[in-house]
Amino acid sequence: MARIAGVNIPTNKRVEIALTYIHGIGRTSARSICGNVGIESQRRVNELSDAEVMQIRETIDRDFLVEGDLRREVAVSVKRLMDLGCYRGLRHRKGLPVRGQRTHTNARTRKGPARPIAGKKK
């Protein structure tokens, strides 16, 4: 099992797909990493040599913000909005949708499960 950026990536998958298991790397980034290192998209992780895995690791460390560092940066950005007290920060603080979605109905992902209100039967 190859370990890149502190994540065990699956060995039986194609390299392009396996790299997406790392937080901060999607399909496009994985494709560009494979292109930079010179790995064909059809190769599997278990077919890679140690040198190729090391090249992938170095490319990710040099060019991408991943895993803990990325999570920390996102958390700091959200905390900054909340400390400023701007509209987006208040929405984060209240646990409501931040980007203008409606909340009269829907928004259950952000608001959590529906809670019944006493005496509201019609």
N, C-alpha and C. Protein backbone atom coordinates (compact mmCIF):
# COMPACT_ATOMS: atom_id res chain seq x y z
N MET A 1 0.84 -1.19 0.00
CA MET A 1 0.00 0.00 0.00
C MET A 1 0.88 1.24 0.00
N ALA A 2 0.69 2.10 -0.98
CA ALA A 2 1.48 3.32 -1.10
C ALA A 2 0.94 4.38 -0.13
N ARG A 3 1.85 5.09 0.48
CA ARG A 3 1.46 6.15 1.42
C ARG A 3 1.97 7.48 0.88
N ILE A 4 1.02 8.36 0.52
CA ILE A 4 1.37 9.66 -0.04
C ILE A 4 0.63 10.73 0.76
N ALA A 5 1.34 11.74 1.21
CA ALA A 5 0.77 12.87 1.97
C ALA A 5 0.03 12.38 3.21
N GLY A 6 0.53 11.32 3.83
CA GLY A 6 -0.08 10.80 5.05
C GLY A 6 -1.34 9.99 4.83
N VAL A 7 -1.62 9.60 3.58
CA VAL A 7 -2.84 8.85 3.27
C VAL A 7 -2.43 7.55 2.58
N ASN A 8 -3.01 6.44 3.03
CA ASN A 8 -2.80 5.17 2.34
C ASN A 8 -3.70 5.15 1.12
N ILE A 9 -3.11 5.17 -0.07
CA ILE A 9 -3.94 5.15 -1.27
C ILE A 9 -4.10 3.70 -1.72
N PRO A 10 -5.29 3.35 -2.25
CA PRO A 10 -5.56 1.96 -2.63
C PRO A 10 -4.64 1.50 -3.77
N THR A 11 -4.16 0.25 -3.66
CA THR A 11 -3.16 -0.24 -4.61
C THR A 11 -3.77 -0.80 -5.88
N ASN A 12 -5.01 -1.25 -5.84
CA ASN A 12 -5.57 -1.91 -7.02
C ASN A 12 -6.28 -0.95 -7.97
N LYS A 13 -6.31 0.33 -7.65
CA LYS A 13 -6.98 1.31 -8.51
C LYS A 13 -5.97 1.98 -9.44
N ARG A 14 -6.50 2.64 -10.50
CA ARG A 14 -5.64 3.42 -11.38
C ARG A 14 -5.07 4.60 -10.60
N VAL A 15 -3.89 5.04 -10.98
CA VAL A 15 -3.18 6.10 -10.25
C VAL A 15 -4.03 7.36 -10.18
N GLU A 16 -4.64 7.71 -11.32
CA GLU A 16 -5.45 8.93 -11.40
C GLU A 16 -6.59 8.91 -10.38
N ILE A 17 -7.22 7.77 -10.19
CA ILE A 17 -8.33 7.64 -9.25
C ILE A 17 -7.82 7.56 -7.82
N ALA A 18 -6.73 6.83 -7.61
CA ALA A 18 -6.20 6.63 -6.26
C ALA A 18 -5.73 7.94 -5.64
N LEU A 19 -5.20 8.85 -6.46
CA LEU A 19 -4.72 10.13 -5.92
C LEU A 19 -5.86 10.98 -5.38
N THR A 20 -7.09 10.75 -5.86
CA THR A 20 -8.22 11.56 -5.39
C THR A 20 -8.61 11.20 -3.96
N TYR A 21 -8.04 10.15 -3.39
CA TYR A 21 -8.29 9.81 -1.99
C TYR A 21 -7.60 10.80 -1.06
N ILE A 22 -6.69 11.59 -1.59
CA ILE A 22 -6.00 12.62 -0.81
C ILE A 22 -6.86 13.87 -0.80
N HIS A 23 -7.14 14.41 0.38
CA HIS A 23 -7.96 15.62 0.51
C HIS A 23 -7.22 16.78 -0.14
N GLY A 24 -7.89 17.42 -1.11
CA GLY A 24 -7.31 18.55 -1.81
C GLY A 24 -6.87 18.22 -3.22
N ILE A 25 -6.98 16.93 -3.60
CA ILE A 25 -6.63 16.54 -4.97
C ILE A 25 -7.85 15.90 -5.60
N GLY A 26 -8.33 16.52 -6.68
CA GLY A 26 -9.46 15.99 -7.44
C GLY A 26 -8.97 15.35 -8.73
N ARG A 27 -9.93 15.08 -9.63
CA ARG A 27 -9.57 14.40 -10.88
C ARG A 27 -8.62 15.24 -11.73
N THR A 28 -8.89 16.54 -11.84
CA THR A 28 -8.05 17.40 -12.68
C THR A 28 -6.63 17.50 -12.13
N SER A 29 -6.51 17.69 -10.83
CA SER A 29 -5.18 17.77 -10.21
C SER A 29 -4.45 16.44 -10.36
N ALA A 30 -5.15 15.34 -10.18
CA ALA A 30 -4.53 14.02 -10.30
C ALA A 30 -4.02 13.80 -11.73
N ARG A 31 -4.82 14.25 -12.71
CA ARG A 31 -4.41 14.13 -14.11
C ARG A 31 -3.14 14.94 -14.38
N SER A 32 -3.09 16.16 -13.83
CA SER A 32 -1.91 17.00 -14.05
C SER A 32 -0.68 16.42 -13.36
N ILE A 33 -0.85 15.83 -12.18
CA ILE A 33 0.27 15.20 -11.47
C ILE A 33 0.82 14.05 -12.30
N CYS A 34 -0.08 13.20 -12.83
CA CYS A 34 0.35 12.08 -13.66
C CYS A 34 1.08 12.58 -14.90
N GLY A 35 0.59 13.66 -15.49
CA GLY A 35 1.26 14.23 -16.66
C GLY A 35 2.64 14.76 -16.34
N ASN A 36 2.78 15.44 -15.20
CA ASN A 36 4.08 16.00 -14.80
C ASN A 36 5.10 14.91 -14.53
N VAL A 37 4.65 13.84 -13.89
CA VAL A 37 5.57 12.76 -13.52
C VAL A 37 5.83 11.84 -14.73
N GLY A 38 4.89 11.80 -15.68
CA GLY A 38 5.06 10.97 -16.86
C GLY A 38 4.52 9.56 -16.69
N ILE A 39 3.38 9.45 -16.00
CA ILE A 39 2.75 8.15 -15.78
C ILE A 39 1.50 8.09 -16.64
N GLU A 40 1.29 6.98 -17.35
CA GLU A 40 0.10 6.81 -18.16
C GLU A 40 -1.11 6.67 -17.23
N SER A 41 -2.28 7.10 -17.72
CA SER A 41 -3.48 7.09 -16.88
C SER A 41 -4.00 5.68 -16.61
N GLN A 42 -3.59 4.69 -17.43
CA GLN A 42 -4.11 3.33 -17.27
C GLN A 42 -3.32 2.51 -16.24
N ARG A 43 -2.18 3.00 -15.79
CA ARG A 43 -1.36 2.23 -14.85
C ARG A 43 -2.01 2.17 -13.49
N ARG A 44 -1.77 1.07 -12.80
CA ARG A 44 -2.30 0.86 -11.44
C ARG A 44 -1.22 1.24 -10.43
N VAL A 45 -1.66 1.50 -9.20
CA VAL A 45 -0.72 1.93 -8.16
C VAL A 45 0.26 0.82 -7.85
N ASN A 46 -0.20 -0.46 -7.87
CA ASN A 46 0.71 -1.55 -7.53
C ASN A 46 1.75 -1.81 -8.62
N GLU A 47 1.58 -1.19 -9.80
CA GLU A 47 2.56 -1.33 -10.88
C GLU A 47 3.63 -0.24 -10.82
N LEU A 48 3.47 0.73 -9.94
CA LEU A 48 4.44 1.83 -9.85
C LEU A 48 5.70 1.40 -9.14
N SER A 49 6.82 1.95 -9.57
CA SER A 49 8.08 1.70 -8.86
C SER A 49 8.18 2.68 -7.69
N ASP A 50 9.13 2.39 -6.80
CA ASP A 50 9.33 3.28 -5.65
C ASP A 50 9.77 4.67 -6.10
N ALA A 51 10.53 4.74 -7.17
CA ALA A 51 11.00 6.04 -7.67
C ALA A 51 9.82 6.88 -8.18
N GLU A 52 8.87 6.23 -8.86
CA GLU A 52 7.71 6.95 -9.37
C GLU A 52 6.82 7.44 -8.22
N VAL A 53 6.65 6.61 -7.20
CA VAL A 53 5.87 7.03 -6.02
C VAL A 53 6.55 8.21 -5.35
N MET A 54 7.89 8.18 -5.30
CA MET A 54 8.63 9.29 -4.70
C MET A 54 8.46 10.56 -5.52
N GLN A 55 8.46 10.44 -6.86
CA GLN A 55 8.24 11.61 -7.72
C GLN A 55 6.86 12.21 -7.50
N ILE A 56 5.85 11.34 -7.38
CA ILE A 56 4.48 11.82 -7.12
C ILE A 56 4.45 12.56 -5.79
N ARG A 57 5.07 11.97 -4.78
CA ARG A 57 5.10 12.58 -3.44
C ARG A 57 5.76 13.96 -3.49
N GLU A 58 6.88 14.07 -4.18
CA GLU A 58 7.58 15.36 -4.28
C GLU A 58 6.76 16.39 -5.04
N THR A 59 6.08 15.96 -6.12
CA THR A 59 5.24 16.88 -6.89
C THR A 59 4.11 17.43 -6.03
N ILE A 60 3.47 16.56 -5.26
CA ILE A 60 2.36 16.99 -4.41
C ILE A 60 2.86 17.94 -3.33
N ASP A 61 4.00 17.61 -2.71
CA ASP A 61 4.54 18.48 -1.66
C ASP A 61 4.90 19.85 -2.21
N ARG A 62 5.42 19.88 -3.44
CA ARG A 62 5.89 21.15 -4.01
C ARG A 62 4.75 22.01 -4.53
N ASP A 63 3.75 21.40 -5.17
CA ASP A 63 2.77 22.17 -5.93
C ASP A 63 1.38 22.28 -5.31
N PHE A 64 1.05 21.45 -4.33
CA PHE A 64 -0.33 21.40 -3.85
C PHE A 64 -0.39 21.55 -2.33
N LEU A 65 -1.49 22.15 -1.88
CA LEU A 65 -1.80 22.26 -0.46
C LEU A 65 -2.80 21.16 -0.15
N VAL A 66 -2.42 20.16 0.64
CA VAL A 66 -3.28 18.99 0.85
C VAL A 66 -3.42 18.65 2.33
N GLU A 67 -4.41 17.79 2.60
CA GLU A 67 -4.68 17.20 3.91
C GLU A 67 -4.70 18.23 5.04
N GLY A 68 -3.89 18.05 6.06
CA GLY A 68 -3.98 18.87 7.27
C GLY A 68 -3.77 20.35 7.03
N ASP A 69 -2.82 20.69 6.17
CA ASP A 69 -2.55 22.10 5.89
C ASP A 69 -3.75 22.76 5.22
N LEU A 70 -4.37 22.06 4.27
CA LEU A 70 -5.54 22.60 3.57
C LEU A 70 -6.72 22.74 4.54
N ARG A 71 -6.95 21.71 5.34
CA ARG A 71 -8.05 21.78 6.33
C ARG A 71 -7.84 22.94 7.30
N ARG A 72 -6.59 23.12 7.73
CA ARG A 72 -6.28 24.21 8.66
C ARG A 72 -6.53 25.56 8.00
N GLU A 73 -6.13 25.71 6.74
CA GLU A 73 -6.32 26.99 6.04
C GLU A 73 -7.80 27.31 5.87
N VAL A 74 -8.60 26.30 5.53
CA VAL A 74 -10.04 26.51 5.38
C VAL A 74 -10.65 26.90 6.72
N ALA A 75 -10.25 26.21 7.80
CA ALA A 75 -10.78 26.52 9.13
C ALA A 75 -10.41 27.94 9.54
N VAL A 76 -9.20 28.37 9.24
CA VAL A 76 -8.78 29.74 9.58
C VAL A 76 -9.59 30.76 8.79
N SER A 77 -9.87 30.45 7.51
CA SER A 77 -10.65 31.38 6.69
C SER A 77 -12.07 31.53 7.23
N VAL A 78 -12.67 30.41 7.63
CA VAL A 78 -14.03 30.46 8.18
C VAL A 78 -14.02 31.20 9.51
N LYS A 79 -13.02 30.93 10.35
CA LYS A 79 -12.92 31.60 11.64
C LYS A 79 -12.75 33.11 11.46
N ARG A 80 -11.98 33.51 10.44
CA ARG A 80 -11.80 34.93 10.16
C ARG A 80 -13.13 35.59 9.81
N LEU A 81 -13.94 34.91 8.97
CA LEU A 81 -15.26 35.45 8.62
C LEU A 81 -16.14 35.58 9.86
N MET A 82 -16.08 34.57 10.74
CA MET A 82 -16.91 34.61 11.94
C MET A 82 -16.47 35.73 12.88
N ASP A 83 -15.15 35.93 12.99
CA ASP A 83 -14.64 36.98 13.88
C ASP A 83 -14.98 38.37 13.35
N LEU A 84 -14.97 38.52 12.03
CA LEU A 84 -15.34 39.81 11.43
C LEU A 84 -16.79 40.17 11.70
N GLY A 85 -17.62 39.14 11.80
CA GLY A 85 -19.05 39.38 11.99
C GLY A 85 -19.75 39.75 10.70
N CYS A 86 -19.16 39.40 9.57
CA CYS A 86 -19.81 39.69 8.30
C CYS A 86 -20.96 38.71 8.10
N TYR A 87 -21.74 38.93 7.05
CA TYR A 87 -22.93 38.11 6.81
C TYR A 87 -22.57 36.64 6.67
N ARG A 88 -21.54 36.33 5.88
CA ARG A 88 -21.14 34.94 5.71
C ARG A 88 -20.67 34.33 7.02
N GLY A 89 -19.98 35.12 7.84
CA GLY A 89 -19.53 34.63 9.14
C GLY A 89 -20.69 34.31 10.07
N LEU A 90 -21.72 35.17 10.04
CA LEU A 90 -22.90 34.92 10.88
C LEU A 90 -23.62 33.66 10.43
N ARG A 91 -23.69 33.42 9.12
CA ARG A 91 -24.33 32.21 8.60
C ARG A 91 -23.55 30.97 9.04
N HIS A 92 -22.21 31.07 9.01
CA HIS A 92 -21.40 29.94 9.49
C HIS A 92 -21.66 29.70 10.97
N ARG A 93 -21.72 30.79 11.74
CA ARG A 93 -21.90 30.68 13.19
C ARG A 93 -23.23 30.03 13.54
N LYS A 94 -24.29 30.39 12.78
CA LYS A 94 -25.63 29.85 13.04
C LYS A 94 -25.85 28.47 12.43
N GLY A 95 -24.91 28.01 11.60
CA GLY A 95 -25.06 26.72 10.96
C GLY A 95 -26.10 26.71 9.86
N LEU A 96 -26.24 27.83 9.16
CA LEU A 96 -27.20 27.95 8.06
C LEU A 96 -26.44 28.01 6.74
N PRO A 97 -27.13 27.82 5.60
CA PRO A 97 -26.44 27.91 4.31
C PRO A 97 -25.80 29.27 4.11
N VAL A 98 -24.60 29.27 3.55
CA VAL A 98 -23.80 30.48 3.44
C VAL A 98 -24.00 31.17 2.10
N ARG A 99 -24.34 30.40 1.06
CA ARG A 99 -24.28 30.94 -0.30
C ARG A 99 -25.63 31.26 -0.89
N GLY A 100 -26.58 31.72 -0.09
CA GLY A 100 -27.81 32.27 -0.62
C GLY A 100 -28.92 31.29 -0.89
N GLN A 101 -28.78 30.03 -0.43
CA GLN A 101 -29.85 29.07 -0.67
C GLN A 101 -31.04 29.38 0.22
N ARG A 102 -32.21 28.88 -0.18
CA ARG A 102 -33.40 29.12 0.62
C ARG A 102 -33.38 28.23 1.88
N THR A 103 -34.04 28.71 2.94
CA THR A 103 -34.07 27.92 4.18
C THR A 103 -35.49 27.67 4.66
N HIS A 104 -36.49 28.24 3.99
CA HIS A 104 -37.88 27.99 4.41
C HIS A 104 -38.17 26.50 4.30
N THR A 105 -37.82 25.92 3.18
CA THR A 105 -37.82 24.46 3.06
C THR A 105 -36.40 24.08 2.67
N ASN A 106 -36.09 22.81 2.72
CA ASN A 106 -34.76 22.30 2.38
C ASN A 106 -33.71 22.78 3.39
N ALA A 107 -32.47 22.82 3.02
CA ALA A 107 -31.33 23.20 3.88
C ALA A 107 -31.15 22.25 5.05
N ARG A 108 -31.65 21.01 4.92
CA ARG A 108 -31.56 20.07 6.04
C ARG A 108 -30.13 19.63 6.30
N THR A 109 -29.29 19.66 5.29
CA THR A 109 -27.90 19.25 5.51
C THR A 109 -27.22 20.20 6.49
N ARG A 110 -27.42 21.49 6.34
CA ARG A 110 -26.79 22.46 7.23
C ARG A 110 -27.53 22.57 8.56
N LYS A 111 -28.88 22.53 8.52
CA LYS A 111 -29.67 22.77 9.73
C LYS A 111 -29.80 21.54 10.62
N GLY A 112 -29.58 20.35 10.05
CA GLY A 112 -29.73 19.13 10.83
C GLY A 112 -31.14 18.61 10.71
N PRO A 113 -31.44 17.51 11.42
CA PRO A 113 -32.79 16.93 11.31
C PRO A 113 -33.87 17.89 11.81
N ALA A 114 -35.05 17.78 11.22
CA ALA A 114 -36.16 18.67 11.59
C ALA A 114 -36.56 18.42 13.03
N ARG A 115 -36.77 19.50 13.77
CA ARG A 115 -37.21 19.39 15.16
C ARG A 115 -38.65 19.87 15.25
N PRO A 116 -39.53 19.07 15.84
CA PRO A 116 -40.93 19.50 15.92
C PRO A 116 -41.09 20.68 16.88
N ILE A 117 -42.06 21.54 16.55
CA ILE A 117 -42.36 22.70 17.37
C ILE A 117 -43.69 22.42 18.08
N ALA A 118 -43.72 22.60 19.41
CA ALA A 118 -44.93 22.27 20.18
C ALA A 118 -46.07 23.18 19.79
N GLY A 119 -47.26 22.61 19.57
CA GLY A 119 -48.48 23.38 19.30
C GLY A 119 -48.54 23.97 17.91
N LYS A 120 -47.84 23.39 16.95
CA LYS A 120 -47.83 23.97 15.62
C LYS A 120 -48.77 23.23 14.65
N LYS A 121 -49.56 22.28 15.12
CA LYS A 121 -50.44 21.54 14.23
C LYS A 121 -51.46 22.47 13.60
N LYS A 122 -51.80 22.20 12.34
CA LYS A 122 -52.79 23.03 11.67
C LYS A 122 -54.02 22.22 11.37
